[in-house]
Amino acid sequence: MTDPDPGRGHRRTLQHETLLGFLGFFAFLALVQAVLNLFSPEPALWPGVVAAVFVGLTWWVWRRR
């Protein structure tokens, strides 16, 4: 039996790559913010936590590929 929607696999691949790009971009920005935060007079914890979450999500989406 043939698939009624032959573009579904391609669409899923594009959605996955879009999500990976979105997460990768914000993970990069969060990492830059976390590093800059290290040099502030009173560094906060939350930039590192946000960076860790974004990097973890990016890694997870990459591995699901």
Protein backbone atom coordinates (compact mmCIF):
# COMPACT_ATOMS: atom_id res chain seq x y z
CA MET A 1 0.00 0.00 0.00
CA THR A 2 1.35 3.41 -0.91
CA ASP A 3 1.58 6.37 1.44
CA PRO A 4 -1.23 8.87 0.73
CA ASP A 5 1.08 11.76 1.68
CA PRO A 6 4.54 11.17 0.15
CA GLY A 7 5.83 14.54 1.38
CA ARG A 8 5.22 13.76 5.04
CA GLY A 9 8.72 12.38 5.66
CA HIS A 10 10.31 15.39 3.99
CA ARG A 11 8.09 17.75 5.99
CA ARG A 12 9.06 16.03 9.25
CA THR A 13 12.74 16.35 8.33
CA LEU A 14 12.32 20.07 7.65
CA GLN A 15 10.47 20.56 10.95
CA HIS A 16 13.23 18.73 12.80
CA GLU A 17 15.96 20.82 11.17
CA THR A 18 14.03 24.02 11.92
CA LEU A 19 13.70 23.07 15.59
CA LEU A 20 17.39 22.19 15.72
CA GLY A 21 18.34 25.54 14.19
CA PHE A 22 16.09 27.46 16.58
CA LEU A 23 17.48 25.68 19.63
CA GLY A 24 21.06 25.92 18.39
CA PHE A 25 20.78 29.67 17.85
CA PHE A 26 19.36 30.33 21.30
CA ALA A 27 21.81 27.91 22.90
CA PHE A 28 24.65 29.92 21.36
CA LEU A 29 23.19 33.20 22.63
CA ALA A 30 22.65 31.72 26.10
CA LEU A 31 26.24 30.45 26.20
CA VAL A 32 27.57 33.89 25.26
CA GLN A 33 25.41 35.47 27.97
CA ALA A 34 26.59 32.92 30.54
CA VAL A 35 30.26 33.57 29.72
CA LEU A 36 29.79 37.34 29.85
CA ASN A 37 27.98 36.89 33.16
CA LEU A 38 31.11 35.28 34.63
CA PHE A 39 32.95 38.58 34.29
CA SER A 40 30.30 40.72 35.99
CA PRO A 41 30.91 41.94 39.56
CA GLU A 42 28.06 39.79 40.93
CA PRO A 43 27.47 36.83 38.60
CA ALA A 44 24.03 35.26 38.69
CA LEU A 45 23.18 31.58 38.46
CA TRP A 46 20.29 31.77 36.00
CA PRO A 47 22.31 32.46 32.80
CA GLY A 48 24.22 29.23 33.33
CA VAL A 49 21.01 27.31 33.99
CA VAL A 50 19.35 28.72 30.87
CA ALA A 51 22.44 27.89 28.80
CA ALA A 52 22.51 24.34 30.19
CA VAL A 53 18.82 23.83 29.36
CA PHE A 54 19.22 25.09 25.79
CA VAL A 55 22.38 23.07 25.19
CA GLY A 56 20.71 19.98 26.65
CA LEU A 57 17.63 20.41 24.47
CA THR A 58 19.79 20.99 21.39
CA TRP A 59 21.78 17.85 22.12
CA TRP A 60 18.56 15.84 22.70
CA VAL A 61 16.98 17.00 19.43
CA TRP A 62 20.24 16.30 17.56
CA ARG A 63 20.37 12.74 18.97
CA ARG A 64 16.73 12.04 18.03
CA ARG A 65 17.66 12.44 14.38
